[in-house]
């Protein structure tokens, strides 16, 4: 399936933190965000637990997205779902195909290798990241087969499917985007998926991820320019510097934790670690400022790097004010079709071809 947007124009979306806000409130804010110009649509977090008890919510994303599709008209998808623990990949395919059929051309399926915070609840062994990645890519194989409408039988290393067929399908398969942060998985993403999701990182690391993703796509005869590259961007904005800092510390302390978090099981454990997080721990990890011009510069930087979609999440509680202010004073100042963006894409394509 082709990209949802023209390659030369980036779009800004609204990241919906179901682990932080009540789903009914997020539906209202999603409508507000659509009116305010968040044209990329919505990246929906898919959690069983919040990161910390303070965040206080964790609604079931698949129920929420049925309502989201009815209340808005923009694209939306999971950011991200882990197939293989709470959900067998056949169940993920079933859920995704249904949303794709209900909202044609709007739903995309974001997949990741999972976090113990959400997946340990079913019990059993929590494997190392390499095994979880292997499970995810085998899941993509199963989901893609089921999206074809054929009867699927699968006996793989991690999963078994017995004579399964999806009867309710969209006219075109739901695109599958993979969250990745390393070069090996980025290359596999290029081969097996339709696009890539990542979070903010150093420019060199992002370019390396893109080069590997593009190389993987070319290996199987795909055009990398048809594969969206999507960013999830967390930050803390508030009317005052003091409030912006406090929001980061209280609402999103994980943004200041510079270590892998996939093996931590409980919100209470994150809360204990959060007591050690200080404002300086967010430097070069998550922007904290009341200065709107700095937020414009921060988002513009990722636009210029070549991201097709940037889904932004302000960690403070007052989402209505955030949407209103950014819709009036930040989004209109972004150059979403900047020449530097196209030049960056050309450089990335050239380096990928040289590496190949």
Protein backbone atom coordinates (compact mmCIF):
# COMPACT_ATOMS: atom_id res chain seq x y z
CA UNK A 1 0.00 0.00 0.00
CA UNK A 2 1.33 3.46 -0.89
CA UNK A 3 2.11 6.25 1.57
CA UNK A 4 -0.83 8.18 3.05
CA UNK A 5 0.78 11.54 2.26
CA UNK A 6 2.83 13.10 -0.48
CA UNK A 7 6.52 12.53 0.18
CA UNK A 8 7.47 16.20 -0.12
CA UNK A 9 5.09 17.39 2.60
CA UNK A 10 5.32 16.40 6.26
CA UNK A 11 2.31 16.37 8.55
CA UNK A 12 1.94 16.84 12.30
CA UNK A 13 -0.19 14.47 14.35
CA UNK A 14 -1.44 14.22 17.92
CA UNK A 15 -0.07 11.37 20.07
CA UNK A 16 -2.83 10.04 22.31
CA UNK A 17 -1.47 8.89 25.70
CA UNK A 18 -4.13 6.48 26.92
CA UNK A 19 -1.87 5.66 29.87
CA UNK A 20 -2.20 9.27 31.03
CA UNK A 21 -5.70 10.49 30.13
CA UNK A 22 -9.27 9.22 30.28
CA UNK A 23 -10.42 7.93 26.88
CA UNK A 24 -13.50 10.16 26.82
CA UNK A 25 -11.34 13.25 27.31
CA UNK A 26 -8.96 12.08 24.57
CA UNK A 27 -11.87 11.74 22.14
CA UNK A 28 -12.80 15.37 22.80
CA UNK A 29 -9.20 16.51 22.41
CA UNK A 30 -8.83 14.50 19.20
CA UNK A 31 -11.72 16.41 17.66
CA UNK A 32 -10.13 19.65 18.84
CA UNK A 33 -6.75 18.60 17.40
CA UNK A 34 -8.31 17.85 14.01
CA UNK A 35 -9.86 21.33 13.93
CA UNK A 36 -6.52 22.85 15.03
CA UNK A 37 -4.58 21.43 12.08
CA UNK A 38 -2.99 18.21 13.38
CA UNK A 39 -3.42 16.76 9.90
CA UNK A 40 -1.42 13.54 10.29
CA UNK A 41 -4.09 12.22 12.61
CA UNK A 42 -3.48 10.18 15.72
CA UNK A 43 -0.93 7.78 17.17
CA UNK A 44 -2.70 5.79 19.90
CA UNK A 45 -0.63 4.34 22.75
CA UNK A 46 -1.46 0.71 23.56
CA UNK A 47 -0.79 -0.03 27.23
CA UNK A 48 -2.09 -2.40 29.88
CA UNK A 49 -0.44 -0.33 32.65
CA UNK A 50 0.59 3.32 32.88
CA UNK A 51 4.29 4.07 33.28
CA UNK A 52 3.67 5.36 36.82
CA UNK A 53 0.61 5.27 39.10
CA UNK A 54 0.54 9.09 38.89
CA UNK A 55 -0.44 8.90 35.22
CA UNK A 56 -3.54 7.14 36.41
CA UNK A 57 -5.14 5.63 33.28
CA UNK A 58 -4.72 2.74 30.86
CA UNK A 59 -7.80 2.26 28.70
CA UNK A 60 -8.07 -0.54 26.14
CA UNK A 61 -6.82 1.00 22.91
CA UNK A 62 -8.77 -1.29 20.58
CA UNK A 63 -12.08 -0.27 22.11
CA UNK A 64 -11.05 3.38 22.05
CA UNK A 65 -10.05 3.33 18.37
CA UNK A 66 -13.49 2.25 17.24
CA UNK A 67 -14.86 5.43 18.79
CA UNK A 68 -11.91 7.51 17.55
CA UNK A 69 -12.65 6.54 13.97
CA UNK A 70 -16.28 7.59 14.37
CA UNK A 71 -15.51 10.92 16.04
CA UNK A 72 -12.76 12.07 13.63
CA UNK A 73 -11.94 11.85 9.92
CA UNK A 74 -8.13 11.58 9.99
CA UNK A 75 -5.80 8.54 9.90
CA UNK A 76 -4.95 6.76 13.15
CA UNK A 77 -3.05 3.74 14.37
CA UNK A 78 -1.40 1.98 17.30
CA UNK A 79 1.81 3.39 18.66
CA UNK A 80 2.51 0.51 19.25
CA UNK A 81 0.96 -2.94 19.82
CA UNK A 82 3.06 -5.97 20.72
CA UNK A 83 1.87 -9.16 19.03
CA UNK A 84 2.62 -12.43 20.76
CA UNK A 85 1.98 -12.02 24.47
CA UNK A 86 -1.37 -10.49 25.40
CA UNK A 87 -2.53 -11.05 21.83
CA UNK A 88 -1.81 -13.87 19.42
CA UNK A 89 -0.87 -12.35 16.03
CA UNK A 90 -4.06 -13.82 14.51
CA UNK A 91 -6.09 -11.76 17.00
CA UNK A 92 -4.12 -8.61 16.15
CA UNK A 93 -4.79 -9.25 12.46
CA UNK A 94 -8.50 -9.72 13.18
CA UNK A 95 -8.75 -6.47 15.14
CA UNK A 96 -6.72 -4.48 12.60
CA UNK A 97 -8.64 -5.77 9.60
CA UNK A 98 -11.94 -4.84 11.25
CA UNK A 99 -10.83 -1.26 11.87
CA UNK A 100 -9.47 -1.12 8.34
CA UNK A 101 -12.83 -2.24 6.97
CA UNK A 102 -14.75 0.24 9.13
CA UNK A 103 -12.51 3.19 8.30
CA UNK A 104 -11.07 2.57 4.81
CA UNK A 105 -7.66 4.08 4.16
CA UNK A 106 -7.41 5.53 7.66
CA UNK A 107 -6.17 2.83 10.03
CA UNK A 108 -2.54 1.71 10.20
CA UNK A 109 -1.09 -0.99 12.45
CA UNK A 110 1.98 -0.03 14.48
CA UNK A 111 3.85 -3.00 15.98
CA UNK A 112 6.70 -3.31 18.47
CA UNK A 113 8.62 -5.97 20.40
CA UNK A 114 6.90 -5.11 23.68
CA UNK A 115 7.62 -4.09 27.25
CA UNK A 116 7.31 -6.17 30.39
CA UNK A 117 5.25 -3.34 31.91
CA UNK A 118 2.34 -4.40 29.72
CA UNK A 119 3.07 -7.96 28.61
CA UNK A 120 4.14 -9.67 31.86
CA UNK A 121 0.53 -9.66 33.11
CA UNK A 122 -0.24 -12.98 31.39
CA UNK A 123 2.58 -14.70 33.30
CA UNK A 124 5.25 -16.91 31.82
CA UNK A 125 8.81 -16.25 30.76
CA UNK A 126 9.80 -12.76 29.58
CA UNK A 127 12.38 -13.36 26.83
CA UNK A 128 15.39 -11.32 25.79
CA UNK A 129 14.98 -8.60 23.18
CA UNK A 130 16.38 -10.72 20.35
CA UNK A 131 13.72 -13.38 20.91
CA UNK A 132 10.99 -10.76 21.21
CA UNK A 133 12.11 -9.21 17.92
CA UNK A 134 12.03 -12.63 16.27
CA UNK A 135 8.49 -13.11 17.59
CA UNK A 136 7.44 -9.73 16.22
CA UNK A 137 8.72 -10.37 12.71
CA UNK A 138 7.16 -13.83 12.65
CA UNK A 139 3.93 -12.14 13.73
CA UNK A 140 4.17 -9.76 10.76
CA UNK A 141 4.42 -12.77 8.47
CA UNK A 142 1.23 -14.25 9.97
CA UNK A 143 -0.67 -10.96 9.96
CA UNK A 144 0.28 -10.25 6.35
CA UNK A 145 -0.89 -13.71 5.28
CA UNK A 146 -4.22 -13.22 7.05
CA UNK A 147 -4.66 -9.80 5.42
CA UNK A 148 -4.69 -11.61 2.06
CA UNK A 149 -8.02 -13.24 2.86
CA UNK A 150 -6.61 -16.71 2.27
CA UNK A 151 -6.88 -19.64 4.66
CA UNK A 152 -3.68 -19.54 6.70
CA UNK A 153 -1.81 -22.42 8.30
CA UNK A 154 1.42 -21.54 10.03
CA UNK A 155 3.80 -23.65 12.13
CA UNK A 156 6.71 -21.41 13.02
CA UNK A 157 9.35 -21.06 15.69
CA UNK A 158 7.09 -19.08 18.01
CA UNK A 159 3.50 -19.37 16.76
CA UNK A 160 1.01 -21.80 15.31
CA UNK A 161 -2.06 -20.91 13.26
CA UNK A 162 -4.57 -23.58 12.27
CA UNK A 163 -6.78 -22.98 9.19
CA UNK A 164 -7.57 -19.33 10.00
CA UNK A 165 -9.24 -16.92 7.58
CA UNK A 166 -10.39 -13.33 7.98
CA UNK A 167 -13.78 -12.74 6.40
CA UNK A 168 -14.12 -9.02 7.17
CA UNK A 169 -11.35 -7.20 5.31
CA UNK A 170 -10.72 -3.71 3.89
CA UNK A 171 -10.36 -3.36 0.13
CA UNK A 172 -6.63 -2.68 0.61
CA UNK A 173 -4.56 -4.31 3.35
CA UNK A 174 -3.91 -2.26 6.48
CA UNK A 175 -0.31 -0.92 6.32
CA UNK A 176 2.04 -2.29 8.97
CA UNK A 177 4.57 0.07 10.55
CA UNK A 178 7.26 -1.18 12.93
CA UNK A 179 8.80 0.66 15.89
CA UNK A 180 12.54 0.13 15.77
CA UNK A 181 15.65 1.61 17.35
CA UNK A 182 18.47 -0.55 15.99
CA UNK A 183 20.05 -1.14 12.55
CA UNK A 184 19.33 -4.89 12.31
CA UNK A 185 15.64 -4.51 13.05
CA UNK A 186 15.50 -1.44 10.80
CA UNK A 187 16.70 -3.54 7.88
CA UNK A 188 14.18 -6.27 8.64
CA UNK A 189 11.52 -3.59 8.89
CA UNK A 190 12.38 -2.44 5.40
CA UNK A 191 12.00 -5.97 4.08
CA UNK A 192 8.83 -7.01 5.89
CA UNK A 193 6.85 -3.90 6.82
CA UNK A 194 5.32 -0.87 5.09
CA UNK A 195 6.94 1.88 7.18
CA UNK A 196 9.00 2.67 10.29
CA UNK A 197 8.22 4.35 13.61
CA UNK A 198 10.88 5.74 15.91
CA UNK A 199 11.38 8.28 18.68
CA UNK A 200 13.63 11.32 18.79
CA UNK A 201 17.34 10.50 18.72
CA UNK A 202 20.66 11.87 17.46
CA UNK A 203 20.63 12.73 13.76
CA UNK A 204 23.36 10.20 12.97
CA UNK A 205 21.39 7.39 14.59
CA UNK A 206 18.20 8.33 12.74
CA UNK A 207 20.04 8.46 9.40
CA UNK A 208 21.55 5.04 10.14
CA UNK A 209 18.10 3.60 10.88
CA UNK A 210 16.70 5.04 7.66
CA UNK A 211 19.62 3.79 5.57
CA UNK A 212 19.17 0.26 6.90
CA UNK A 213 15.40 0.37 6.46
CA UNK A 214 15.80 1.58 2.88
CA UNK A 215 18.41 -1.09 2.15
CA UNK A 216 16.09 -3.80 3.44
CA UNK A 217 13.27 -2.50 1.27
CA UNK A 218 15.45 -2.50 -1.84
CA UNK A 219 16.55 -6.08 -1.16
CA UNK A 220 12.98 -7.25 -1.78
CA UNK A 221 12.25 -4.87 -4.64
CA UNK A 222 10.33 -2.23 -2.72
CA UNK A 223 10.63 1.52 -3.26
CA UNK A 224 11.70 3.09 0.07
CA UNK A 225 10.07 6.39 -0.90
CA UNK A 226 6.65 4.72 -0.54
CA UNK A 227 7.38 3.74 3.09
CA UNK A 228 6.41 6.41 5.64
CA UNK A 229 8.93 7.31 8.33
CA UNK A 230 7.08 8.32 11.47
CA UNK A 231 8.31 10.04 14.64
CA UNK A 232 6.80 10.13 18.10
CA UNK A 233 8.00 13.27 19.88
CA UNK A 234 7.51 13.89 23.61
CA UNK A 235 8.10 17.30 25.18
CA UNK A 236 6.91 19.50 28.03
CA UNK A 237 5.35 22.86 27.28
CA UNK A 238 3.45 25.02 29.76
CA UNK A 239 2.81 28.77 30.14
CA UNK A 240 5.73 29.06 32.59
CA UNK A 241 9.14 27.41 32.79
CA UNK A 242 8.46 26.23 36.33
CA UNK A 243 5.25 24.48 35.29
CA UNK A 244 6.90 22.89 32.26
CA UNK A 245 9.67 21.45 34.45
CA UNK A 246 7.21 20.23 37.08
CA UNK A 247 5.03 18.55 34.45
CA UNK A 248 8.01 16.64 33.09
CA UNK A 249 9.09 15.46 36.52
CA UNK A 250 5.62 14.46 37.72
CA UNK A 251 3.84 13.33 34.57
CA UNK A 252 6.65 11.92 32.40
CA UNK A 253 9.72 11.05 34.50
CA UNK A 254 10.58 8.22 32.09
CA UNK A 255 11.72 10.93 29.68
CA UNK A 256 14.64 11.54 32.03
CA UNK A 257 15.60 7.87 32.42
CA UNK A 258 18.56 7.16 30.13
CA UNK A 259 18.44 3.37 30.29
CA UNK A 260 16.42 0.55 28.67
CA UNK A 261 12.98 0.16 30.21
CA UNK A 262 11.61 -2.92 28.46
CA UNK A 263 12.27 -5.31 31.36
CA UNK A 264 10.71 -3.26 34.17
CA UNK A 265 7.40 -4.80 35.18
CA UNK A 266 5.39 -2.48 37.40
CA UNK A 267 4.33 1.18 37.52
CA UNK A 268 5.41 1.27 41.16
CA UNK A 269 8.97 0.38 40.13
CA UNK A 270 9.04 3.29 37.69
CA UNK A 271 7.65 5.55 40.42
CA UNK A 272 10.50 4.56 42.75
CA UNK A 273 13.05 5.35 40.03
CA UNK A 274 11.29 8.63 39.26
CA UNK A 275 12.31 9.95 42.69
CA UNK A 276 15.90 10.08 41.40
CA UNK A 277 15.07 11.97 38.18
CA UNK A 278 16.14 15.62 38.08
CA UNK A 279 15.53 18.33 35.46
CA UNK A 280 19.04 18.00 34.07
CA UNK A 281 18.38 14.35 33.21
CA UNK A 282 16.03 15.47 30.42
CA UNK A 283 18.73 17.44 28.58
CA UNK A 284 19.16 16.14 25.02
CA UNK A 285 16.36 13.66 25.67
CA UNK A 286 13.14 15.68 25.94
CA UNK A 287 12.64 19.41 25.40
CA UNK A 288 11.24 21.26 28.42
CA UNK A 289 10.41 24.92 27.89
CA UNK A 290 7.65 27.52 27.87
CA UNK A 291 9.28 29.15 24.84
CA UNK A 292 7.10 28.38 21.82
CA UNK A 293 9.84 29.37 19.38
CA UNK A 294 12.06 26.61 20.75
CA UNK A 295 9.25 24.13 20.16
CA UNK A 296 8.91 25.38 16.59
CA UNK A 297 12.66 24.87 16.10
CA UNK A 298 12.54 21.41 17.68
CA UNK A 299 9.71 20.13 15.49
CA UNK A 300 11.12 21.85 12.39
CA UNK A 301 14.42 20.05 12.91
CA UNK A 302 12.70 16.68 12.51
CA UNK A 303 10.67 17.93 9.56
CA UNK A 304 13.92 18.95 7.86
CA UNK A 305 15.43 15.54 8.58
CA UNK A 306 12.74 14.06 6.37
CA UNK A 307 10.09 12.55 8.64
CA UNK A 308 6.74 12.10 6.89
CA UNK A 309 4.71 12.30 10.09
CA UNK A 310 5.58 13.72 13.51
CA UNK A 311 3.11 12.83 16.26
CA UNK A 312 3.62 15.17 19.20
CA UNK A 313 2.82 14.59 22.86
CA UNK A 314 2.91 17.38 25.41
CA UNK A 315 3.24 15.67 28.78
CA UNK A 316 1.27 18.25 30.79
CA UNK A 317 -2.31 17.68 31.92
CA UNK A 318 -3.88 20.70 30.20
CA UNK A 319 -4.23 19.22 26.74
CA UNK A 320 -6.97 21.59 25.58
CA UNK A 321 -4.75 24.64 26.09
CA UNK A 322 -1.79 22.89 24.48
CA UNK A 323 -3.80 22.02 21.36
CA UNK A 324 -5.21 25.53 21.10
CA UNK A 325 -1.85 27.28 21.56
CA UNK A 326 0.13 24.98 19.26
CA UNK A 327 -2.61 25.09 16.64
CA UNK A 328 -2.42 28.91 16.59
CA UNK A 329 1.23 29.66 17.34
CA UNK A 330 3.37 26.62 16.44
CA UNK A 331 1.90 24.63 13.55
CA UNK A 332 1.44 27.68 11.25
CA UNK A 333 5.14 28.55 11.67
CA UNK A 334 6.39 25.15 10.49
CA UNK A 335 7.70 24.85 6.95
CA UNK A 336 6.40 21.36 6.18
CA UNK A 337 7.67 21.31 2.61
CA UNK A 338 11.04 22.92 3.27
CA UNK A 339 13.80 22.53 0.64
CA UNK A 340 16.09 21.27 3.41
CA UNK A 341 13.67 18.40 3.95
CA UNK A 342 13.88 17.30 0.32
CA UNK A 343 17.68 17.71 0.33
CA UNK A 344 17.90 15.55 3.45
CA UNK A 345 15.82 12.83 1.79
CA UNK A 346 18.03 12.93 -1.29
CA UNK A 347 21.17 12.59 0.82
CA UNK A 348 19.63 9.65 2.68
CA UNK A 349 18.71 7.91 -0.54
CA UNK A 350 22.21 8.48 -1.96
CA UNK A 351 23.94 7.07 1.13
CA UNK A 352 21.63 4.04 1.14
CA UNK A 353 22.40 3.34 -2.51
CA UNK A 354 26.13 3.69 -1.84
CA UNK A 355 25.88 1.29 1.09
CA UNK A 356 24.04 -1.17 -1.14
